[in-house]
Amino acid sequence: MGRAWSVTRVAASPQWFQWEPEFPSVSVVTVDAPLLVLGSRQRDDVVVPDARSDIVVARRRSGGGAVLLEPGRVVWVDVAVPASHPLWDPDVSRAFHWLGEVWSRAIGRGARAHTGPLVRTASSDLVCFAGLGPGEVTIDGRKVVGISQRRSRGGALFQCAALIQWDPSRLATMLGIDPAPLANVATGLAPATAAEVEAAFLAALDG
């Protein structure tokens, strides 16, 4: 993109996911302990009561399904684009496309950004990686990067989750659903590490 971005590193916490972004900016979120991040429109009771004593629950300001953040298993990056920025797009769906292309370049391996409409499944309202939205990235048809968006007068906040490892069993238990249908909807980038994926994304963003 050849444009300068202000990049910061922040610790994942319930408070962080309610932040008001600075435009333009990139925030790489460090995950030191498991954290379940719900979409802005998900009800609190999607998490089964027994699971709440075992996991910290946060709510992000963008939509979509739940994402389980665990150290080394997911890379979370927030990208805030002001309405005055050359990458801003007034079309809500098309606005994701450029970011999906950046992730695809960063990942390689034949990764592709989805440019079609939202693809829903029986579990996609609950689980981010069970559906496929504009700009989200797949490898061999399996989702590897989820992207959600929140728009305001100031611009758009894109919240990205890139999988290093995918094992839906723990997340499914927290949500009280069968993990079997989730087994092949997504894939991880291992043996690449979280640090390697972060570095590749930032390089592709500035490339």
N, C-alpha and C. Protein backbone atom coordinates (compact mmCIF):
# COMPACT_ATOMS: atom_id res chain seq x y z
N MET A 1 0.81 -1.21 0.00
CA MET A 1 0.00 0.00 0.00
C MET A 1 0.85 1.27 0.00
N GLY A 2 2.06 1.14 0.54
CA GLY A 2 2.98 2.27 0.50
C GLY A 2 2.55 3.44 1.34
N ARG A 3 1.75 3.21 2.38
CA ARG A 3 1.28 4.31 3.22
C ARG A 3 1.70 4.04 4.66
N ALA A 4 2.02 5.10 5.37
CA ALA A 4 2.49 4.95 6.75
C ALA A 4 1.30 4.65 7.67
N TRP A 5 1.51 3.73 8.59
CA TRP A 5 0.52 3.40 9.59
C TRP A 5 1.15 3.53 10.98
N SER A 6 0.36 4.01 11.90
CA SER A 6 0.78 4.02 13.30
C SER A 6 0.47 2.65 13.89
N VAL A 7 1.51 1.92 14.29
CA VAL A 7 1.34 0.55 14.79
C VAL A 7 1.64 0.52 16.29
N THR A 8 0.70 -0.03 17.05
CA THR A 8 0.90 -0.19 18.49
C THR A 8 0.62 -1.64 18.87
N ARG A 9 1.17 -2.06 20.01
CA ARG A 9 0.88 -3.36 20.57
C ARG A 9 0.14 -3.17 21.89
N VAL A 10 -0.92 -3.92 22.06
CA VAL A 10 -1.73 -3.79 23.26
C VAL A 10 -2.05 -5.19 23.80
N ALA A 11 -2.32 -5.27 25.09
CA ALA A 11 -2.68 -6.53 25.71
C ALA A 11 -4.18 -6.76 25.58
N ALA A 12 -4.55 -7.98 25.23
CA ALA A 12 -5.96 -8.32 25.12
C ALA A 12 -6.63 -8.24 26.48
N SER A 13 -7.78 -7.59 26.53
CA SER A 13 -8.57 -7.50 27.76
C SER A 13 -9.98 -7.10 27.38
N PRO A 14 -10.97 -7.36 28.24
CA PRO A 14 -12.33 -6.91 27.93
C PRO A 14 -12.41 -5.41 27.69
N GLN A 15 -11.60 -4.64 28.42
CA GLN A 15 -11.62 -3.19 28.26
C GLN A 15 -11.09 -2.77 26.89
N TRP A 16 -10.04 -3.47 26.42
CA TRP A 16 -9.46 -3.09 25.14
C TRP A 16 -10.47 -3.20 24.01
N PHE A 17 -11.31 -4.22 24.03
CA PHE A 17 -12.22 -4.44 22.91
C PHE A 17 -13.34 -3.42 22.84
N GLN A 18 -13.40 -2.51 23.81
CA GLN A 18 -14.36 -1.41 23.75
C GLN A 18 -13.69 -0.09 23.38
N TRP A 19 -12.46 -0.15 22.86
CA TRP A 19 -11.70 1.06 22.57
C TRP A 19 -12.31 1.87 21.44
N GLU A 20 -12.01 3.16 21.44
CA GLU A 20 -12.35 4.05 20.33
C GLU A 20 -11.07 4.25 19.52
N PRO A 21 -11.04 3.83 18.27
CA PRO A 21 -9.78 3.84 17.52
C PRO A 21 -9.32 5.23 17.13
N GLU A 22 -8.02 5.35 16.97
CA GLU A 22 -7.45 6.50 16.31
C GLU A 22 -7.33 6.18 14.82
N PHE A 23 -7.57 7.16 13.98
CA PHE A 23 -7.53 6.93 12.53
C PHE A 23 -6.37 7.70 11.91
N PRO A 24 -5.58 7.10 11.03
CA PRO A 24 -5.47 5.66 10.77
C PRO A 24 -4.56 5.02 11.81
N SER A 25 -4.76 3.75 12.07
CA SER A 25 -3.90 3.06 13.02
C SER A 25 -4.01 1.56 12.84
N VAL A 26 -3.00 0.86 13.33
CA VAL A 26 -2.99 -0.60 13.37
C VAL A 26 -2.63 -1.00 14.80
N SER A 27 -3.42 -1.89 15.37
CA SER A 27 -3.16 -2.37 16.73
C SER A 27 -3.01 -3.89 16.69
N VAL A 28 -1.85 -4.37 17.10
CA VAL A 28 -1.61 -5.80 17.22
C VAL A 28 -1.89 -6.19 18.67
N VAL A 29 -2.83 -7.09 18.86
CA VAL A 29 -3.29 -7.43 20.20
C VAL A 29 -2.54 -8.67 20.70
N THR A 30 -1.85 -8.51 21.83
CA THR A 30 -1.09 -9.60 22.43
C THR A 30 -1.99 -10.42 23.33
N VAL A 31 -1.99 -11.73 23.13
CA VAL A 31 -2.85 -12.63 23.90
C VAL A 31 -1.99 -13.42 24.87
N ASP A 32 -2.11 -13.11 26.15
CA ASP A 32 -1.33 -13.77 27.19
C ASP A 32 -2.11 -14.83 27.95
N ALA A 33 -3.43 -14.81 27.82
CA ALA A 33 -4.29 -15.77 28.50
C ALA A 33 -5.56 -15.95 27.67
N PRO A 34 -6.22 -17.09 27.77
CA PRO A 34 -7.43 -17.32 26.96
C PRO A 34 -8.49 -16.25 27.20
N LEU A 35 -9.15 -15.86 26.12
CA LEU A 35 -10.18 -14.82 26.17
C LEU A 35 -11.21 -15.14 25.09
N LEU A 36 -12.47 -15.19 25.45
CA LEU A 36 -13.54 -15.43 24.51
C LEU A 36 -14.14 -14.08 24.10
N VAL A 37 -14.05 -13.77 22.80
CA VAL A 37 -14.50 -12.48 22.30
C VAL A 37 -15.81 -12.67 21.54
N LEU A 38 -16.89 -12.08 22.05
CA LEU A 38 -18.19 -12.15 21.40
C LEU A 38 -18.35 -11.00 20.43
N GLY A 39 -19.20 -11.21 19.42
CA GLY A 39 -19.56 -10.13 18.51
C GLY A 39 -20.47 -9.13 19.18
N SER A 40 -20.57 -7.94 18.62
CA SER A 40 -21.31 -6.85 19.26
C SER A 40 -22.79 -7.16 19.46
N ARG A 41 -23.35 -8.02 18.62
CA ARG A 41 -24.79 -8.30 18.70
C ARG A 41 -25.10 -9.64 19.35
N GLN A 42 -24.09 -10.36 19.79
CA GLN A 42 -24.36 -11.64 20.43
C GLN A 42 -24.84 -11.45 21.86
N ARG A 43 -25.77 -12.29 22.27
CA ARG A 43 -26.28 -12.24 23.63
C ARG A 43 -25.28 -12.86 24.61
N ASP A 44 -25.27 -12.37 25.81
CA ASP A 44 -24.37 -12.92 26.83
C ASP A 44 -24.64 -14.40 27.08
N ASP A 45 -25.92 -14.81 26.94
CA ASP A 45 -26.25 -16.18 27.29
C ASP A 45 -25.89 -17.20 26.21
N VAL A 46 -25.16 -16.76 25.14
CA VAL A 46 -24.65 -17.77 24.21
C VAL A 46 -23.55 -18.59 24.86
N VAL A 47 -22.94 -18.05 25.90
CA VAL A 47 -21.92 -18.78 26.65
C VAL A 47 -22.62 -19.58 27.75
N VAL A 48 -22.38 -20.89 27.78
CA VAL A 48 -23.05 -21.72 28.79
C VAL A 48 -22.57 -21.32 30.18
N PRO A 49 -23.45 -21.35 31.18
CA PRO A 49 -23.08 -20.87 32.52
C PRO A 49 -21.84 -21.54 33.10
N ASP A 50 -21.69 -22.84 32.89
CA ASP A 50 -20.55 -23.55 33.48
C ASP A 50 -19.22 -23.06 32.92
N ALA A 51 -19.23 -22.51 31.69
CA ALA A 51 -17.98 -22.08 31.06
C ALA A 51 -17.50 -20.73 31.59
N ARG A 52 -18.39 -19.95 32.15
CA ARG A 52 -18.02 -18.59 32.54
C ARG A 52 -17.02 -18.56 33.68
N SER A 53 -16.95 -19.61 34.45
CA SER A 53 -15.98 -19.65 35.54
C SER A 53 -14.58 -20.02 35.05
N ASP A 54 -14.50 -20.48 33.79
CA ASP A 54 -13.22 -20.95 33.25
C ASP A 54 -12.62 -20.02 32.22
N ILE A 55 -13.33 -18.98 31.81
CA ILE A 55 -12.86 -18.14 30.71
C ILE A 55 -13.27 -16.69 30.94
N VAL A 56 -12.41 -15.76 30.59
CA VAL A 56 -12.77 -14.35 30.58
C VAL A 56 -13.50 -14.05 29.28
N VAL A 57 -14.63 -13.36 29.38
CA VAL A 57 -15.45 -13.05 28.20
C VAL A 57 -15.37 -11.55 27.92
N ALA A 58 -15.11 -11.23 26.66
CA ALA A 58 -15.07 -9.84 26.21
C ALA A 58 -16.08 -9.66 25.08
N ARG A 59 -16.42 -8.42 24.81
CA ARG A 59 -17.32 -8.11 23.69
C ARG A 59 -16.65 -7.06 22.81
N ARG A 60 -16.53 -7.36 21.52
CA ARG A 60 -15.93 -6.40 20.60
C ARG A 60 -16.99 -5.47 20.05
N ARG A 61 -16.56 -4.41 19.39
CA ARG A 61 -17.49 -3.39 18.89
C ARG A 61 -17.93 -3.68 17.47
N SER A 62 -17.37 -4.71 16.86
CA SER A 62 -17.79 -5.11 15.51
C SER A 62 -18.63 -6.38 15.61
N GLY A 63 -19.32 -6.71 14.52
CA GLY A 63 -20.26 -7.82 14.55
C GLY A 63 -19.63 -9.17 14.28
N GLY A 64 -20.49 -10.16 14.08
CA GLY A 64 -20.03 -11.51 13.79
C GLY A 64 -20.10 -12.43 14.99
N GLY A 65 -19.56 -13.64 14.80
CA GLY A 65 -19.63 -14.66 15.83
C GLY A 65 -18.45 -14.64 16.77
N ALA A 66 -18.46 -15.58 17.70
CA ALA A 66 -17.46 -15.64 18.76
C ALA A 66 -16.11 -16.12 18.23
N VAL A 67 -15.05 -15.59 18.84
CA VAL A 67 -13.67 -16.02 18.55
C VAL A 67 -13.00 -16.32 19.88
N LEU A 68 -12.38 -17.49 19.98
CA LEU A 68 -11.63 -17.84 21.18
C LEU A 68 -10.17 -17.50 20.94
N LEU A 69 -9.66 -16.55 21.73
CA LEU A 69 -8.26 -16.17 21.64
C LEU A 69 -7.46 -16.96 22.67
N GLU A 70 -6.42 -17.63 22.20
CA GLU A 70 -5.52 -18.37 23.07
C GLU A 70 -4.09 -18.06 22.66
N PRO A 71 -3.18 -17.97 23.61
CA PRO A 71 -1.79 -17.61 23.28
C PRO A 71 -1.21 -18.51 22.19
N GLY A 72 -0.67 -17.88 21.15
CA GLY A 72 -0.01 -18.59 20.08
C GLY A 72 -0.92 -19.24 19.07
N ARG A 73 -2.25 -19.19 19.28
CA ARG A 73 -3.17 -19.90 18.40
C ARG A 73 -3.95 -18.99 17.47
N VAL A 74 -4.01 -17.71 17.77
CA VAL A 74 -4.73 -16.74 16.95
C VAL A 74 -3.96 -15.42 16.96
N VAL A 75 -3.88 -14.78 15.80
CA VAL A 75 -3.32 -13.43 15.70
C VAL A 75 -4.49 -12.47 15.53
N TRP A 76 -4.58 -11.46 16.42
CA TRP A 76 -5.66 -10.46 16.33
C TRP A 76 -5.03 -9.11 16.00
N VAL A 77 -5.54 -8.48 14.95
CA VAL A 77 -5.06 -7.17 14.53
C VAL A 77 -6.26 -6.28 14.23
N ASP A 78 -6.26 -5.07 14.77
CA ASP A 78 -7.28 -4.06 14.46
C ASP A 78 -6.68 -3.05 13.48
N VAL A 79 -7.43 -2.74 12.43
CA VAL A 79 -7.00 -1.75 11.44
C VAL A 79 -8.08 -0.68 11.34
N ALA A 80 -7.72 0.56 11.63
CA ALA A 80 -8.68 1.67 11.62
C ALA A 80 -8.39 2.59 10.43
N VAL A 81 -9.37 2.73 9.54
CA VAL A 81 -9.22 3.51 8.32
C VAL A 81 -10.16 4.71 8.37
N PRO A 82 -9.63 5.94 8.33
CA PRO A 82 -10.50 7.11 8.38
C PRO A 82 -11.30 7.28 7.09
N ALA A 83 -12.42 7.98 7.21
CA ALA A 83 -13.26 8.20 6.04
C ALA A 83 -12.57 9.03 4.97
N SER A 84 -11.53 9.74 5.32
CA SER A 84 -10.78 10.56 4.36
C SER A 84 -9.64 9.79 3.69
N HIS A 85 -9.43 8.54 4.09
CA HIS A 85 -8.28 7.76 3.62
C HIS A 85 -8.52 7.22 2.21
N PRO A 86 -7.47 7.09 1.40
CA PRO A 86 -7.64 6.53 0.05
C PRO A 86 -8.21 5.12 0.04
N LEU A 87 -8.05 4.36 1.13
CA LEU A 87 -8.57 3.00 1.19
C LEU A 87 -10.02 2.93 1.68
N TRP A 88 -10.57 4.04 2.08
CA TRP A 88 -11.97 4.06 2.51
C TRP A 88 -12.88 3.74 1.33
N ASP A 89 -13.90 2.96 1.59
CA ASP A 89 -14.90 2.64 0.57
C ASP A 89 -16.27 2.80 1.19
N PRO A 90 -17.17 3.59 0.56
CA PRO A 90 -18.50 3.79 1.14
C PRO A 90 -19.37 2.54 1.09
N ASP A 91 -19.01 1.58 0.25
CA ASP A 91 -19.75 0.33 0.16
C ASP A 91 -19.30 -0.59 1.30
N VAL A 92 -20.23 -0.95 2.18
CA VAL A 92 -19.87 -1.69 3.38
C VAL A 92 -19.24 -3.04 3.05
N SER A 93 -19.76 -3.73 2.07
CA SER A 93 -19.22 -5.04 1.71
C SER A 93 -17.89 -4.92 0.98
N ARG A 94 -17.83 -4.03 0.01
CA ARG A 94 -16.60 -3.89 -0.78
C ARG A 94 -15.45 -3.34 0.06
N ALA A 95 -15.77 -2.67 1.16
CA ALA A 95 -14.76 -2.06 2.02
C ALA A 95 -13.80 -3.09 2.60
N PHE A 96 -14.22 -4.35 2.69
CA PHE A 96 -13.36 -5.40 3.22
C PHE A 96 -12.32 -5.89 2.22
N HIS A 97 -12.56 -5.70 0.93
CA HIS A 97 -11.80 -6.42 -0.08
C HIS A 97 -10.31 -6.13 -0.04
N TRP A 98 -9.93 -4.86 0.10
CA TRP A 98 -8.50 -4.52 0.08
C TRP A 98 -7.75 -5.20 1.23
N LEU A 99 -8.41 -5.27 2.40
CA LEU A 99 -7.76 -5.84 3.56
C LEU A 99 -7.61 -7.36 3.40
N GLY A 100 -8.61 -7.99 2.80
CA GLY A 100 -8.48 -9.41 2.51
C GLY A 100 -7.34 -9.70 1.56
N GLU A 101 -7.13 -8.81 0.59
CA GLU A 101 -6.01 -8.99 -0.34
C GLU A 101 -4.66 -8.84 0.39
N VAL A 102 -4.59 -7.91 1.33
CA VAL A 102 -3.37 -7.76 2.12
C VAL A 102 -3.08 -9.04 2.89
N TRP A 103 -4.08 -9.57 3.56
CA TRP A 103 -3.89 -10.81 4.30
C TRP A 103 -3.49 -11.96 3.37
N SER A 104 -4.09 -12.02 2.20
CA SER A 104 -3.76 -13.09 1.25
C SER A 104 -2.30 -13.02 0.83
N ARG A 105 -1.80 -11.81 0.56
CA ARG A 105 -0.39 -11.66 0.20
C ARG A 105 0.51 -12.05 1.36
N ALA A 106 0.10 -11.68 2.55
CA ALA A 106 0.92 -11.99 3.74
C ALA A 106 1.01 -13.50 3.98
N ILE A 107 -0.08 -14.19 3.75
CA ILE A 107 -0.14 -15.62 4.05
C ILE A 107 0.49 -16.47 2.95
N GLY A 108 0.24 -16.10 1.68
CA GLY A 108 0.69 -16.96 0.59
C GLY A 108 -0.09 -18.26 0.59
N ARG A 109 0.55 -19.36 0.20
CA ARG A 109 -0.04 -20.70 0.24
C ARG A 109 -1.33 -20.80 -0.58
N GLY A 110 -1.49 -19.96 -1.57
CA GLY A 110 -2.71 -19.99 -2.35
C GLY A 110 -3.91 -19.39 -1.65
N ALA A 111 -3.68 -18.59 -0.61
CA ALA A 111 -4.79 -17.97 0.12
C ALA A 111 -5.58 -17.04 -0.79
N ARG A 112 -6.89 -17.01 -0.60
CA ARG A 112 -7.77 -16.20 -1.44
C ARG A 112 -8.72 -15.39 -0.57
N ALA A 113 -8.92 -14.13 -0.94
CA ALA A 113 -9.90 -13.27 -0.27
C ALA A 113 -11.26 -13.45 -0.92
N HIS A 114 -12.26 -13.65 -0.11
CA HIS A 114 -13.63 -13.85 -0.60
C HIS A 114 -14.23 -12.52 -1.04
N THR A 115 -14.70 -12.45 -2.27
CA THR A 115 -15.28 -11.21 -2.79
C THR A 115 -16.78 -11.35 -3.06
N GLY A 116 -17.34 -12.48 -2.71
CA GLY A 116 -18.76 -12.68 -2.90
C GLY A 116 -19.57 -12.27 -1.68
N PRO A 117 -20.86 -12.61 -1.68
CA PRO A 117 -21.72 -12.26 -0.55
C PRO A 117 -21.45 -13.12 0.67
N LEU A 118 -22.09 -12.77 1.76
CA LEU A 118 -21.96 -13.52 2.99
C LEU A 118 -22.43 -14.95 2.81
N VAL A 119 -21.62 -15.90 3.28
CA VAL A 119 -21.96 -17.32 3.24
C VAL A 119 -22.25 -17.76 4.67
N ARG A 120 -23.48 -18.17 4.92
CA ARG A 120 -23.89 -18.54 6.26
C ARG A 120 -23.99 -20.06 6.39
N THR A 121 -23.81 -20.53 7.62
CA THR A 121 -24.03 -21.94 7.95
C THR A 121 -24.89 -21.99 9.21
N ALA A 122 -25.21 -23.21 9.62
CA ALA A 122 -26.03 -23.36 10.82
C ALA A 122 -25.35 -22.81 12.07
N SER A 123 -24.01 -22.72 12.04
CA SER A 123 -23.27 -22.27 13.23
C SER A 123 -22.69 -20.87 13.10
N SER A 124 -22.87 -20.22 11.96
CA SER A 124 -22.14 -18.97 11.72
C SER A 124 -22.61 -17.81 12.58
N ASP A 125 -23.85 -17.84 13.05
CA ASP A 125 -24.28 -16.77 13.96
C ASP A 125 -23.57 -16.87 15.31
N LEU A 126 -23.12 -18.07 15.66
CA LEU A 126 -22.44 -18.28 16.93
C LEU A 126 -20.93 -18.20 16.81
N VAL A 127 -20.37 -18.77 15.74
CA VAL A 127 -18.93 -18.95 15.60
C VAL A 127 -18.43 -18.20 14.38
N CYS A 128 -17.48 -17.30 14.57
CA CYS A 128 -16.94 -16.50 13.48
C CYS A 128 -16.46 -17.37 12.32
N PHE A 129 -15.68 -18.40 12.62
CA PHE A 129 -15.05 -19.16 11.56
C PHE A 129 -15.96 -20.18 10.90
N ALA A 130 -17.23 -20.22 11.29
CA ALA A 130 -18.19 -21.12 10.66
C ALA A 130 -18.86 -20.50 9.44
N GLY A 131 -18.69 -19.20 9.23
CA GLY A 131 -19.25 -18.52 8.06
C GLY A 131 -18.14 -17.84 7.28
N LEU A 132 -18.51 -17.22 6.17
CA LEU A 132 -17.53 -16.55 5.32
C LEU A 132 -18.12 -15.25 4.80
N GLY A 133 -17.46 -14.15 5.12
CA GLY A 133 -17.93 -12.85 4.70
C GLY A 133 -16.99 -12.19 3.71
N PRO A 134 -17.40 -11.07 3.12
CA PRO A 134 -16.55 -10.35 2.17
C PRO A 134 -15.19 -10.03 2.77
N GLY A 135 -14.13 -10.26 1.99
CA GLY A 135 -12.78 -9.96 2.42
C GLY A 135 -12.12 -11.04 3.25
N GLU A 136 -12.90 -11.94 3.81
CA GLU A 136 -12.30 -12.99 4.63
C GLU A 136 -11.52 -13.97 3.75
N VAL A 137 -10.55 -14.63 4.36
CA VAL A 137 -9.54 -15.34 3.59
C VAL A 137 -9.64 -16.85 3.83
N THR A 138 -9.50 -17.61 2.74
CA THR A 138 -9.53 -19.05 2.82
C THR A 138 -8.27 -19.66 2.19
N ILE A 139 -7.98 -20.87 2.61
CA ILE A 139 -6.97 -21.72 1.96
C ILE A 139 -7.67 -23.03 1.63
N ASP A 140 -7.70 -23.37 0.35
CA ASP A 140 -8.38 -24.60 -0.10
C ASP A 140 -9.81 -24.66 0.42
N GLY A 141 -10.48 -23.52 0.42
CA GLY A 141 -11.88 -23.46 0.82
C GLY A 141 -12.13 -23.42 2.31
N ARG A 142 -11.09 -23.44 3.12
CA ARG A 142 -11.25 -23.40 4.58
C ARG A 142 -10.81 -22.03 5.10
N LYS A 143 -11.61 -21.45 5.94
CA LYS A 143 -11.36 -20.09 6.41
C LYS A 143 -10.15 -20.02 7.32
N VAL A 144 -9.32 -19.01 7.08
CA VAL A 144 -8.12 -18.84 7.90
C VAL A 144 -8.03 -17.45 8.52
N VAL A 145 -8.72 -16.46 7.93
CA VAL A 145 -8.77 -15.11 8.49
C VAL A 145 -10.21 -14.63 8.51
N GLY A 146 -10.67 -14.25 9.70
CA GLY A 146 -11.98 -13.63 9.84
C GLY A 146 -11.82 -12.13 10.02
N ILE A 147 -12.73 -11.36 9.42
CA ILE A 147 -12.66 -9.89 9.52
C ILE A 147 -14.07 -9.37 9.79
N SER A 148 -14.21 -8.54 10.81
CA SER A 148 -15.47 -7.86 11.08
C SER A 148 -15.23 -6.36 11.05
N GLN A 149 -16.31 -5.62 10.93
CA GLN A 149 -16.20 -4.18 10.68
C GLN A 149 -17.18 -3.40 11.54
N ARG A 150 -16.71 -2.28 12.05
CA ARG A 150 -17.58 -1.30 12.70
C ARG A 150 -17.33 0.05 12.05
N ARG A 151 -18.40 0.72 11.62
CA ARG A 151 -18.27 1.99 10.92
C ARG A 151 -18.84 3.12 11.77
N SER A 152 -18.21 4.28 11.67
CA SER A 152 -18.68 5.47 12.36
C SER A 152 -18.43 6.66 11.45
N ARG A 153 -18.76 7.84 11.92
CA ARG A 153 -18.48 9.02 11.11
C ARG A 153 -16.99 9.19 10.84
N GLY A 154 -16.18 8.75 11.81
CA GLY A 154 -14.74 8.91 11.66
C GLY A 154 -14.11 7.98 10.65
N GLY A 155 -14.70 6.79 10.47
CA GLY A 155 -14.12 5.83 9.55
C GLY A 155 -14.59 4.42 9.85
N ALA A 156 -13.76 3.45 9.49
CA ALA A 156 -14.10 2.05 9.68
C ALA A 156 -13.03 1.37 10.52
N LEU A 157 -13.46 0.57 11.48
CA LEU A 157 -12.57 -0.26 12.27
C LEU A 157 -12.74 -1.70 11.81
N PHE A 158 -11.65 -2.29 11.31
CA PHE A 158 -11.66 -3.69 10.89
C PHE A 158 -10.94 -4.52 11.96
N GLN A 159 -11.61 -5.54 12.47
CA GLN A 159 -11.03 -6.38 13.48
C GLN A 159 -10.78 -7.76 12.87
N CYS A 160 -9.51 -8.15 12.85
CA CYS A 160 -9.06 -9.33 12.10
C CYS A 160 -8.55 -10.40 13.05
N ALA A 161 -8.93 -11.64 12.77
CA ALA A 161 -8.41 -12.79 13.51
C ALA A 161 -7.86 -13.80 12.51
N ALA A 162 -6.56 -14.09 12.61
CA ALA A 162 -5.91 -15.07 11.74
C ALA A 162 -5.56 -16.29 12.57
N LEU A 163 -5.97 -17.45 12.11
CA LEU A 163 -5.76 -18.68 12.87
C LEU A 163 -4.35 -19.22 12.68
N ILE A 164 -3.72 -19.55 13.78
CA ILE A 164 -2.47 -20.31 13.74
C ILE A 164 -2.79 -21.79 13.89
N GLN A 165 -3.69 -22.11 14.80
CA GLN A 165 -4.16 -23.48 14.98
C GLN A 165 -5.68 -23.45 15.12
N TRP A 166 -6.35 -24.47 14.58
CA TRP A 166 -7.82 -24.54 14.66
C TRP A 166 -8.23 -25.85 15.32
N ASP A 167 -8.80 -25.74 16.49
CA ASP A 167 -9.40 -26.86 17.20
C ASP A 167 -10.67 -26.31 17.84
N PRO A 168 -11.84 -26.59 17.25
CA PRO A 168 -13.07 -25.95 17.73
C PRO A 168 -13.67 -26.57 18.98
N SER A 169 -13.06 -27.61 19.52
CA SER A 169 -13.71 -28.36 20.60
C SER A 169 -13.95 -27.51 21.85
N ARG A 170 -12.95 -26.73 22.25
CA ARG A 170 -13.12 -25.93 23.48
C ARG A 170 -14.15 -24.82 23.28
N LEU A 171 -14.08 -24.16 22.13
CA LEU A 171 -15.06 -23.11 21.83
C LEU A 171 -16.47 -23.69 21.78
N ALA A 172 -16.63 -24.83 21.14
CA ALA A 172 -17.94 -25.45 21.04
C ALA A 172 -18.50 -25.79 22.42
N THR A 173 -17.64 -26.27 23.33
CA THR A 173 -18.07 -26.57 24.69
C THR A 173 -18.56 -25.31 25.39
N MET A 174 -17.86 -24.20 25.20
CA MET A 174 -18.26 -22.94 25.83
C MET A 174 -19.60 -22.44 25.33
N LEU A 175 -19.91 -22.77 24.07
CA LEU A 175 -21.15 -22.30 23.47
C LEU A 175 -22.25 -23.36 23.51
N GLY A 176 -21.92 -24.54 24.01
CA GLY A 176 -22.91 -25.59 24.14
C GLY A 176 -23.37 -26.17 22.82
N ILE A 177 -22.46 -26.29 21.85
CA ILE A 177 -22.81 -26.82 20.54
C ILE A 177 -21.90 -27.99 20.19
N ASP A 178 -22.30 -28.73 19.17
CA ASP A 178 -21.54 -29.88 18.70
C ASP A 178 -20.33 -29.40 17.91
N PRO A 179 -19.11 -29.83 18.26
CA PRO A 179 -17.94 -29.38 17.52
C PRO A 179 -17.76 -30.05 16.16
N ALA A 180 -18.42 -31.18 15.93
CA ALA A 180 -18.17 -31.95 14.71
C ALA A 180 -18.39 -31.14 13.42
N PRO A 181 -19.47 -30.35 13.28
CA PRO A 181 -19.66 -29.59 12.04
C PRO A 181 -18.62 -28.48 11.84
N LEU A 182 -17.86 -28.15 12.88
CA LEU A 182 -16.88 -27.07 12.80
C LEU A 182 -15.48 -27.57 12.42
N ALA A 183 -15.30 -28.88 12.41
CA ALA A 183 -13.95 -29.43 12.28
C ALA A 183 -13.25 -28.99 11.01
N ASN A 184 -13.97 -28.92 9.89
CA ASN A 184 -13.34 -28.65 8.60
C ASN A 184 -13.71 -27.30 7.99
N VAL A 185 -14.33 -26.42 8.78
CA VAL A 185 -14.71 -25.12 8.22
C VAL A 185 -13.53 -24.17 8.16
N ALA A 186 -12.49 -24.44 8.95
CA ALA A 186 -11.36 -23.53 9.07
C ALA A 186 -10.07 -24.32 9.14
N THR A 187 -8.96 -23.60 9.03
CA THR A 187 -7.64 -24.21 9.14
C THR A 187 -6.67 -23.20 9.73
N GLY A 188 -5.55 -23.68 10.22
CA GLY A 188 -4.55 -22.79 10.81
C GLY A 188 -3.33 -22.65 9.94
N LEU A 189 -2.47 -21.71 10.32
CA LEU A 189 -1.26 -21.39 9.55
C LEU A 189 0.00 -22.05 10.10
N ALA A 190 -0.12 -22.82 11.18
CA ALA A 190 1.04 -23.56 11.68
C ALA A 190 1.60 -24.44 10.55
N PRO A 191 2.93 -24.57 10.48
CA PRO A 191 3.93 -24.30 11.50
C PRO A 191 4.37 -22.84 11.63
N ALA A 192 3.80 -21.93 10.83
CA ALA A 192 4.10 -20.51 11.04
C ALA A 192 3.69 -20.12 12.46
N THR A 193 4.47 -19.27 13.08
CA THR A 193 4.16 -18.80 14.43
C THR A 193 3.34 -17.52 14.37
N ALA A 194 2.76 -17.16 15.51
CA ALA A 194 2.01 -15.91 15.58
C ALA A 194 2.90 -14.72 15.23
N ALA A 195 4.13 -14.71 15.73
CA ALA A 195 5.04 -13.60 15.45
C ALA A 195 5.34 -13.51 13.96
N GLU A 196 5.50 -14.65 13.30
CA GLU A 196 5.79 -14.64 11.86
C GLU A 196 4.60 -14.13 11.07
N VAL A 197 3.40 -14.52 11.45
CA VAL A 197 2.20 -14.05 10.74
C VAL A 197 1.99 -12.56 10.96
N GLU A 198 2.20 -12.08 12.17
CA GLU A 198 2.10 -10.64 12.44
C GLU A 198 3.06 -9.86 11.56
N ALA A 199 4.32 -10.30 11.53
CA ALA A 199 5.33 -9.59 10.74
C ALA A 199 5.01 -9.60 9.26
N ALA A 200 4.52 -10.73 8.76
CA ALA A 200 4.16 -10.82 7.35
C ALA A 200 3.00 -9.90 7.01
N PHE A 201 2.02 -9.81 7.91
CA PHE A 201 0.89 -8.92 7.66
C PHE A 201 1.32 -7.47 7.62
N LEU A 202 2.11 -7.05 8.60
CA LEU A 202 2.56 -5.65 8.64
C LEU A 202 3.40 -5.31 7.42
N ALA A 203 4.22 -6.25 6.96
CA ALA A 203 5.02 -6.00 5.76
C ALA A 203 4.13 -5.90 4.54
N ALA A 204 3.11 -6.73 4.43
CA ALA A 204 2.21 -6.67 3.30
C ALA A 204 1.36 -5.40 3.33
N LEU A 205 1.01 -4.94 4.51
CA LEU A 205 0.22 -3.72 4.65
C LEU A 205 0.99 -2.51 4.13
N ASP A 206 2.29 -2.49 4.35
CA ASP A 206 3.12 -1.37 3.90
C ASP A 206 3.70 -1.59 2.52
N GLY A 207 3.46 -2.76 1.95
CA GLY A 207 4.06 -3.10 0.66
C GLY A 207 3.36 -2.50 -0.54
